[in-house]
Amino acid sequence: LHFCDCEDQQCSVCEPMKNATERRFYPVEREAEQTNRTFTLTRKERGEVIYEMTMQIADSPDLTDMHNPRTEHAIRHAKCFEHYAYNKANVVEEYDNLIENYVLCRGRLLARHRSL
């Protein structure tokens, strides 16, 4: 999965998503010389991956601040993840929220937890 907007090879947002996508959402079954990629995205699996991605950007002062560069970066790549890893997949279960909304919601929870 290539996030063409990002030029940072060590990006704390992109790398966890790329790794998670390769590891969990692209199970490769090989039969003879044929390669068949199948997707089995569930609500729980997607939530777990995005939770981990959000934890990677949790050092941002306030993830709910839309003008924070790290938040903008996270949302841009979350949209990219949504498009490439979800919309083009055979979905086991419908997911009723965009990932960007999940990121913002989780960010608010993290910010609240850190302030306690």
Protein backbone atom coordinates (compact mmCIF):
# COMPACT_ATOMS: atom_id res chain seq x y z
CA LEU A 1 0.00 0.00 0.00
CA HIS A 2 1.62 3.24 -1.14
CA PHE A 3 0.66 6.58 0.40
CA CYS A 4 1.81 8.90 -2.36
CA ASP A 5 1.31 12.10 -0.34
CA CYS A 6 3.86 11.16 2.29
CA GLU A 7 7.58 11.55 1.69
CA ASP A 8 8.64 10.59 5.21
CA GLN A 9 9.94 7.02 5.24
CA GLN A 10 9.65 6.90 9.03
CA CYS A 11 6.19 8.47 9.21
CA SER A 12 4.51 7.55 12.50
CA VAL A 13 1.13 7.63 10.77
CA CYS A 14 1.81 5.84 7.50
CA GLU A 15 4.15 3.08 8.64
CA PRO A 16 1.79 1.49 11.18
CA MET A 17 -1.03 1.52 8.63
CA LYS A 18 1.13 0.07 5.87
CA ASN A 19 2.48 -2.62 8.18
CA ALA A 20 -0.95 -3.45 9.56
CA THR A 21 -2.43 -3.58 6.09
CA GLU A 22 0.24 -5.91 4.78
CA ARG A 23 0.14 -8.11 7.86
CA ARG A 24 -3.60 -8.31 8.50
CA PHE A 25 -5.61 -7.22 5.48
CA TYR A 26 -3.71 -8.87 2.64
CA PRO A 27 -3.61 -12.57 3.47
CA VAL A 28 -1.98 -14.17 0.45
CA GLU A 29 -2.97 -17.68 -0.54
CA ARG A 30 -0.66 -19.32 -3.04
CA GLU A 31 -1.82 -22.20 -5.16
CA ALA A 32 0.70 -23.36 -7.74
CA GLU A 33 1.92 -20.17 -9.45
CA GLN A 34 -1.22 -18.14 -8.82
CA THR A 35 -1.51 -15.54 -6.09
CA ASN A 36 -4.95 -14.71 -4.76
CA ARG A 37 -5.37 -11.72 -2.44
CA THR A 38 -8.48 -11.70 -0.32
CA PHE A 39 -9.77 -9.09 2.10
CA THR A 40 -11.62 -9.88 5.30
CA LEU A 41 -12.16 -6.51 6.90
CA THR A 42 -14.43 -6.49 9.91
CA ARG A 43 -15.47 -3.61 12.11
CA LYS A 44 -13.32 -4.94 14.95
CA GLU A 45 -10.20 -5.46 12.82
CA ARG A 46 -10.43 -2.01 11.27
CA GLY A 47 -10.99 -0.46 14.68
CA GLU A 48 -7.95 -2.23 16.11
CA VAL A 49 -5.68 -1.07 13.31
CA ILE A 50 -6.86 2.53 13.50
CA TYR A 51 -6.59 2.46 17.27
CA GLU A 52 -2.94 1.42 16.92
CA MET A 53 -2.38 4.10 14.29
CA THR A 54 -3.92 6.69 16.59
CA MET A 55 -1.69 5.58 19.45
CA GLN A 56 1.28 6.26 17.18
CA ILE A 57 0.23 9.90 16.85
CA ALA A 58 -0.89 10.28 20.47
CA ASP A 59 2.13 12.45 21.27
CA SER A 60 0.43 15.27 19.39
CA PRO A 61 -0.63 18.00 21.86
CA ASP A 62 -4.27 17.87 20.79
CA LEU A 63 -5.54 15.51 18.13
CA THR A 64 -8.86 17.36 18.03
CA ASP A 65 -7.14 20.51 16.76
CA MET A 66 -7.83 20.41 13.04
CA HIS A 67 -5.07 22.95 12.41
CA ASN A 68 -2.42 20.85 14.07
CA PRO A 69 -0.12 19.59 11.27
CA ARG A 70 0.07 16.11 12.80
CA THR A 71 -3.71 15.88 12.94
CA GLU A 72 -4.07 17.01 9.33
CA HIS A 73 -1.42 14.50 8.33
CA ALA A 74 -3.17 11.70 10.19
CA ILE A 75 -6.55 12.47 8.66
CA ARG A 76 -5.14 12.73 5.14
CA HIS A 77 -3.61 9.29 5.43
CA ALA A 78 -6.66 7.88 7.17
CA LYS A 79 -8.66 8.96 4.13
CA CYS A 80 -6.11 7.29 1.88
CA PHE A 81 -6.33 4.12 3.98
CA GLU A 82 -10.12 4.29 3.80
CA HIS A 83 -10.02 4.50 0.01
CA TYR A 84 -7.40 1.89 -0.79
CA ALA A 85 -7.74 -0.66 1.98
CA TYR A 86 -11.47 -0.57 2.56
CA ASN A 87 -13.47 0.76 -0.37
CA LYS A 88 -11.66 -1.52 -2.83
CA ALA A 89 -12.10 -4.58 -0.62
CA ASN A 90 -14.73 -7.25 -0.28
CA VAL A 91 -16.18 -6.19 3.01
CA VAL A 92 -17.38 -8.77 5.49
CA GLU A 93 -19.32 -6.23 7.47
CA GLU A 94 -20.43 -2.68 6.69
CA TYR A 95 -18.66 0.02 8.64
CA ASP A 96 -20.83 3.04 9.28
CA ASN A 97 -18.16 5.63 10.14
CA LEU A 98 -15.30 6.99 8.10
CA ILE A 99 -11.90 6.31 9.59
CA GLU A 100 -11.19 10.03 9.88
CA ASN A 101 -14.13 10.33 12.30
CA TYR A 102 -12.82 7.38 14.28
CA VAL A 103 -9.41 9.05 14.53
CA LEU A 104 -10.93 12.29 15.80
CA CYS A 105 -13.14 10.49 18.29
CA ARG A 106 -10.25 8.38 19.57
CA GLY A 107 -8.07 11.48 19.71
CA ARG A 108 -10.55 13.22 21.97
CA LEU A 109 -10.61 10.20 24.27
CA LEU A 110 -6.82 10.09 24.37
CA ALA A 111 -6.61 13.82 25.06
CA ARG A 112 -9.13 13.50 27.89
CA HIS A 113 -7.26 10.51 29.35
CA ARG A 114 -3.91 12.32 29.25
CA SER A 115 -5.37 15.32 31.07
CA LEU A 116 -6.54 13.22 34.04
